[in-house]
Protein backbone atom coordinates (compact mmCIF):
# COMPACT_ATOMS: atom_id res chain seq x y z
CA MET A 1 14.35 35.59 -1.94
CA GLU A 2 11.18 33.87 -0.79
CA LEU A 3 9.57 31.22 -2.97
CA VAL A 4 6.16 32.85 -2.84
CA THR A 5 5.35 36.42 -1.86
CA VAL A 6 2.04 38.23 -1.55
CA GLU A 7 1.91 41.98 -1.98
CA ASN A 8 -1.28 43.99 -2.35
CA GLY A 9 -3.22 40.79 -2.94
CA GLN A 10 -0.90 39.74 -5.81
CA ILE A 11 0.96 36.42 -5.59
CA THR A 12 4.48 36.28 -7.00
CA VAL A 13 6.51 33.09 -7.40
CA ALA A 14 10.29 33.22 -7.74
CA GLU A 15 11.31 32.80 -11.39
CA ASP A 16 13.77 30.00 -10.65
CA VAL A 17 11.00 28.07 -8.89
CA VAL A 18 8.73 28.48 -11.92
CA ASN A 19 11.53 27.35 -14.24
CA GLN A 20 12.31 24.30 -12.09
CA ILE A 21 8.66 23.26 -11.94
CA VAL A 22 8.29 23.63 -15.72
CA THR A 23 11.45 21.57 -16.29
CA PHE A 24 10.33 18.86 -13.87
CA GLN A 25 6.86 18.69 -15.41
CA LYS A 26 8.26 18.36 -18.95
CA GLU A 27 10.63 15.59 -17.86
CA LYS A 28 7.83 13.84 -15.97
CA LEU A 29 5.65 13.86 -19.10
CA LYS A 30 8.47 12.25 -21.10
CA ILE A 31 9.10 9.64 -18.40
CA ASP A 32 5.37 8.88 -18.06
CA LEU A 33 5.10 8.34 -21.82
CA VAL A 34 8.04 5.92 -21.87
CA GLU A 35 6.64 4.11 -18.82
CA LYS A 36 3.23 3.77 -20.49
CA GLU A 37 4.79 2.32 -23.65
CA LEU A 38 6.92 -0.15 -21.67
CA LYS A 39 3.94 -1.28 -19.60
CA GLU A 40 1.83 -1.79 -22.72
CA LYS A 41 4.54 -3.93 -24.35
CA LEU A 42 4.93 -5.96 -21.16
CA LYS A 43 1.15 -6.44 -20.90
CA GLU A 44 0.97 -7.61 -24.52
CA ALA A 45 3.80 -10.09 -23.95
CA MET A 46 2.09 -11.43 -20.83
CA GLU A 47 -1.26 -11.77 -22.66
CA ASN A 48 0.34 -13.47 -25.67
CA ASN A 49 2.15 -15.97 -23.45
CA ASN A 50 -0.58 -16.54 -20.82
CA VAL A 51 1.66 -15.25 -18.03
CA THR A 52 -0.09 -13.76 -14.99
CA LYS A 53 2.86 -13.01 -12.68
CA LEU A 54 6.46 -11.93 -13.16
CA GLU A 55 9.18 -11.00 -10.69
CA PHE A 56 12.47 -9.33 -11.51
CA GLY A 57 14.14 -8.30 -8.25
CA GLU A 58 12.21 -5.30 -6.96
CA LEU A 59 9.85 -5.32 -9.93
CA LYS A 60 6.72 -7.44 -9.51
CA VAL A 61 4.12 -7.54 -12.25
CA SER A 62 0.64 -9.04 -12.01
CA TYR A 63 -1.69 -9.32 -14.98
CA ARG A 64 -5.42 -8.76 -14.48
CA ASN A 65 -7.97 -9.54 -17.17
CA GLY A 66 -10.11 -6.70 -18.41
CA SER A 67 -13.64 -6.54 -17.08
CA THR A 68 -16.77 -4.44 -17.17
CA ARG A 69 -17.86 -2.12 -14.42
CA THR A 70 -21.31 -0.84 -13.58
CA THR A 71 -21.54 2.67 -12.18
CA VAL A 72 -24.37 4.99 -11.24
CA ASP A 73 -24.94 8.10 -13.31
CA SER A 74 -25.06 10.43 -10.32
CA LYS A 75 -26.01 13.54 -12.33
CA LEU A 76 -28.98 11.77 -13.89
CA LEU A 77 -30.00 10.28 -10.53
CA GLN A 78 -29.76 13.68 -8.85
CA THR A 79 -31.91 15.20 -11.59
CA GLU A 80 -34.58 12.49 -11.81
CA LEU A 81 -34.67 11.17 -8.23
CA PRO A 82 -33.19 13.86 -5.96
CA ASP A 83 -34.54 12.28 -2.75
CA ILE A 84 -32.91 8.92 -3.50
CA TYR A 85 -29.70 10.67 -4.51
CA GLU A 86 -29.64 12.61 -1.25
CA GLU A 87 -30.41 9.52 0.85
CA TYR A 88 -27.55 7.48 -0.63
CA SER A 89 -24.97 10.23 -1.08
CA LYS A 90 -22.01 10.42 1.24
CA THR A 91 -19.59 13.25 1.86
CA SER A 92 -15.85 12.73 2.21
CA ASN A 93 -13.08 15.11 3.18
CA VAL A 94 -10.58 15.81 0.42
CA SER A 95 -7.12 17.16 1.24
CA SER A 96 -6.07 20.41 -0.33
CA SER A 97 -3.76 20.17 -3.32
CA ILE A 98 -2.49 22.06 -6.32
CA SER A 99 -2.50 21.11 -9.98
CA ILE A 100 0.36 22.04 -12.28
CA SER A 101 0.45 21.70 -16.05
CA VAL A 102 3.11 22.53 -18.60
CA GLU A 103 2.31 23.33 -22.19
């Protein structure tokens, strides 16, 4: 069986493919959560001990202080000064992709 078929304008995805993607996405969410917690604990330990670099074999960790960032409110600029917005806007190519979520 094909992974994806199109018949009469309807797209069908093989059930085992759907099940695998759902399983992978659920596991990825769990792994991402654990990774986030571990990184936060490591960051706190580095902050509390004034450590900026750590190396453990393949793992290299660098601490960067928080900072502020100034950005341009492009929607407001486009609304209030459309000529300026147009003059300083740039267009970039974005590769095609898909987004998958599991609930």
